Amino acid sequence: MGLLSGTAEGRALKKSRWALLKNPWNLTQRQGEKLSEVARTNKRLYRAYLLKESLALGMDYRQRWRAEKHLQDWAQWASHSKLKPFVKLSNTVRTFKEGILAYVDTGLSNGLVEGLNNKIRLLTRRAFGFHSSEALAAMIHLCCGGIELTPPLPVLA
């Protein structure tokens, strides 16, 4: 049995994971109610949720000065939140503030490259039985190169 099992706090936390992870505008009515219940019963968890949402909101600013002010205020709030992961994150945000603001300036991120790297890692694991590195390179080009086969390869049932 869990530590919070049978308590009001435990009942509030049950099935609240997706409500805490989803964007606020995508919450169902039930998830919104769950979030309200968490706010009443678990102040630390709700504070963490608000910190998460506030940081995400700061990344939507298009004016550098607004984003910089928001990051500064957020880092101050997070460092005084008494939540160790957020205190650590506030220090990281302060350290990499210029890089974060570069994202605000340009709107560019390395997400596409990271996704491609993950796909290549998956292909490398699948290629364990290949006899040569050329076969792996060919598979990477086939899967990641944007090649469209017309007609498409037949699907085996």
Protein backbone atom coordinates (compact mmCIF):
# COMPACT_ATOMS: atom_id res chain seq x y z
CA MET A 1 0.00 0.00 0.00
CA GLY A 2 1.14 3.54 -0.73
CA LEU A 3 1.96 6.17 1.85
CA LEU A 4 -1.08 8.28 0.95
CA SER A 5 -3.48 5.37 0.42
CA GLY A 6 -6.89 6.04 1.95
CA THR A 7 -6.21 9.71 2.73
CA ALA A 8 -7.92 12.73 1.15
CA GLU A 9 -4.60 13.67 -0.43
CA GLY A 10 -4.23 10.17 -1.85
CA ARG A 11 -7.73 10.25 -3.35
CA ALA A 12 -6.98 13.66 -4.92
CA LEU A 13 -3.77 12.35 -6.49
CA LYS A 14 -5.37 9.20 -7.88
CA LYS A 15 -5.76 9.53 -11.67
CA SER A 16 -4.42 13.11 -11.68
CA ARG A 17 -1.28 12.41 -13.74
CA TRP A 18 -2.71 13.38 -17.13
CA ALA A 19 -4.40 16.48 -15.72
CA LEU A 20 -1.01 17.63 -14.44
CA LEU A 21 0.78 16.88 -17.72
CA LYS A 22 -1.73 18.26 -20.23
CA ASN A 23 -1.92 21.85 -21.42
CA PRO A 24 -4.58 23.69 -19.40
CA TRP A 25 -6.65 24.48 -22.51
CA ASN A 26 -6.82 20.77 -23.42
CA LEU A 27 -8.17 19.53 -20.09
CA THR A 28 -11.46 17.69 -20.01
CA GLN A 29 -14.00 18.76 -17.41
CA ARG A 30 -13.06 15.77 -15.22
CA GLN A 31 -9.35 16.61 -15.46
CA GLY A 32 -10.08 20.23 -14.52
CA GLU A 33 -11.94 18.99 -11.45
CA LYS A 34 -9.00 16.71 -10.60
CA LEU A 35 -6.63 19.66 -10.87
CA SER A 36 -8.84 21.70 -8.53
CA GLU A 37 -8.83 18.81 -6.08
CA VAL A 38 -5.02 18.63 -6.21
CA ALA A 39 -4.87 22.41 -5.62
CA ARG A 40 -6.95 21.99 -2.44
CA THR A 41 -5.18 18.95 -1.02
CA ASN A 42 -1.54 19.02 -2.17
CA LYS A 43 -0.12 22.56 -2.20
CA ARG A 44 3.45 21.47 -3.09
CA LEU A 45 2.35 19.48 -6.14
CA TYR A 46 0.08 22.29 -7.29
CA ARG A 47 2.93 24.81 -6.85
CA ALA A 48 5.11 22.56 -9.03
CA TYR A 49 2.32 22.47 -11.64
CA LEU A 50 2.05 26.27 -11.63
CA LEU A 51 5.84 26.62 -11.98
CA LYS A 52 5.81 24.22 -14.94
CA GLU A 53 2.99 26.06 -16.68
CA SER A 54 4.53 29.47 -16.00
CA LEU A 55 7.87 28.45 -17.51
CA ALA A 56 6.11 27.09 -20.59
CA LEU A 57 4.17 30.36 -20.90
CA GLY A 58 7.43 32.31 -20.85
CA MET A 59 8.63 30.45 -23.94
CA ASP A 60 5.67 31.81 -25.93
CA TYR A 61 6.78 35.45 -25.70
CA ARG A 62 8.08 36.91 -28.97
CA GLN A 63 9.60 40.07 -27.48
CA ARG A 64 13.00 39.40 -25.94
CA TRP A 65 12.57 41.91 -23.11
CA ARG A 66 9.28 40.33 -22.01
CA ALA A 67 10.74 36.83 -22.11
CA GLU A 68 13.83 37.98 -20.21
CA LYS A 69 11.71 39.62 -17.51
CA HIS A 70 9.50 36.55 -17.26
CA LEU A 71 12.52 34.21 -16.97
CA GLN A 72 14.05 36.41 -14.30
CA ASP A 73 10.81 36.50 -12.30
CA TRP A 74 10.25 32.76 -12.82
CA ALA A 75 13.79 31.87 -11.67
CA GLN A 76 13.28 34.01 -8.55
CA TRP A 77 9.96 32.30 -7.80
CA ALA A 78 11.38 28.82 -8.46
CA SER A 79 14.46 29.38 -6.30
CA HIS A 80 12.20 30.35 -3.36
CA SER A 81 9.65 27.58 -3.98
CA LYS A 82 11.28 25.12 -1.53
CA LEU A 83 10.93 22.45 -4.24
CA LYS A 84 14.44 21.07 -4.81
CA PRO A 85 13.99 20.12 -8.49
CA PHE A 86 12.73 23.61 -9.30
CA VAL A 87 15.48 25.29 -7.28
CA LYS A 88 17.97 23.30 -9.37
CA LEU A 89 16.09 24.16 -12.57
CA SER A 90 16.11 27.87 -11.70
CA ASN A 91 19.91 27.72 -11.48
CA THR A 92 20.03 25.95 -14.86
CA VAL A 93 17.74 28.58 -16.39
CA ARG A 94 19.98 31.35 -15.07
CA THR A 95 23.07 29.59 -16.45
CA PHE A 96 21.61 29.09 -19.92
CA LYS A 97 19.50 32.27 -20.08
CA GLU A 98 21.18 33.57 -23.25
CA GLY A 99 20.52 30.31 -25.10
CA ILE A 100 16.89 30.32 -23.98
CA LEU A 101 16.50 33.91 -25.13
CA ALA A 102 18.10 32.98 -28.47
CA TYR A 103 15.17 30.58 -28.92
CA VAL A 104 12.77 33.46 -28.23
CA ASP A 105 14.62 35.63 -30.78
CA THR A 106 14.75 33.04 -33.57
CA GLY A 107 12.07 30.46 -32.79
CA LEU A 108 14.61 27.77 -33.67
CA SER A 109 15.33 24.72 -31.55
CA ASN A 110 17.30 21.53 -31.96
CA GLY A 111 14.15 19.40 -31.66
CA LEU A 112 14.28 18.27 -35.29
CA VAL A 113 17.90 17.13 -34.98
CA GLU A 114 17.19 15.35 -31.69
CA GLY A 115 14.26 13.52 -33.28
CA LEU A 116 16.43 12.48 -36.22
CA ASN A 117 19.16 11.25 -33.84
CA ASN A 118 16.61 9.13 -31.96
CA LYS A 119 15.37 7.63 -35.22
CA ILE A 120 18.95 6.79 -36.26
CA ARG A 121 19.62 5.19 -32.85
CA LEU A 122 16.53 3.03 -33.29
CA LEU A 123 17.68 1.99 -36.76
CA THR A 124 21.13 1.17 -35.38
CA ARG A 125 19.57 -1.15 -32.79
CA ARG A 126 17.47 -2.80 -35.48
CA ALA A 127 20.56 -3.20 -37.69
CA PHE A 128 22.33 -5.43 -35.17
CA GLY A 129 22.31 -8.40 -37.57
CA PHE A 130 23.49 -6.48 -40.64
CA HIS A 131 26.77 -7.73 -42.13
CA SER A 132 28.20 -4.31 -43.00
CA SER A 133 28.03 -0.67 -42.06
CA GLU A 134 26.97 0.10 -45.65
CA ALA A 135 23.70 -1.74 -45.01
CA LEU A 136 23.06 0.45 -41.95
CA ALA A 137 23.90 3.60 -43.94
CA ALA A 138 21.49 2.48 -46.68
CA MET A 139 18.74 1.88 -44.10
CA ILE A 140 19.30 5.35 -42.59
CA HIS A 141 19.10 6.97 -46.03
CA LEU A 142 15.97 4.99 -46.85
CA CYS A 143 14.18 5.79 -43.58
CA CYS A 144 15.39 9.35 -42.96
CA GLY A 145 16.18 10.64 -46.42
CA GLY A 146 12.66 11.57 -47.46
CA ILE A 147 12.66 9.12 -50.33
CA GLU A 148 9.18 8.26 -51.56
CA LEU A 149 8.85 4.92 -53.27
CA THR A 150 6.28 4.89 -56.05
CA PRO A 151 4.58 2.53 -56.11
CA PRO A 152 4.98 1.84 -52.40
CA LEU A 153 6.55 -1.39 -51.26
CA PRO A 154 4.02 -4.19 -50.78
CA VAL A 155 2.91 -4.87 -47.23
CA LEU A 156 3.15 -8.48 -46.15
CA ALA A 157 0.17 -9.77 -44.24
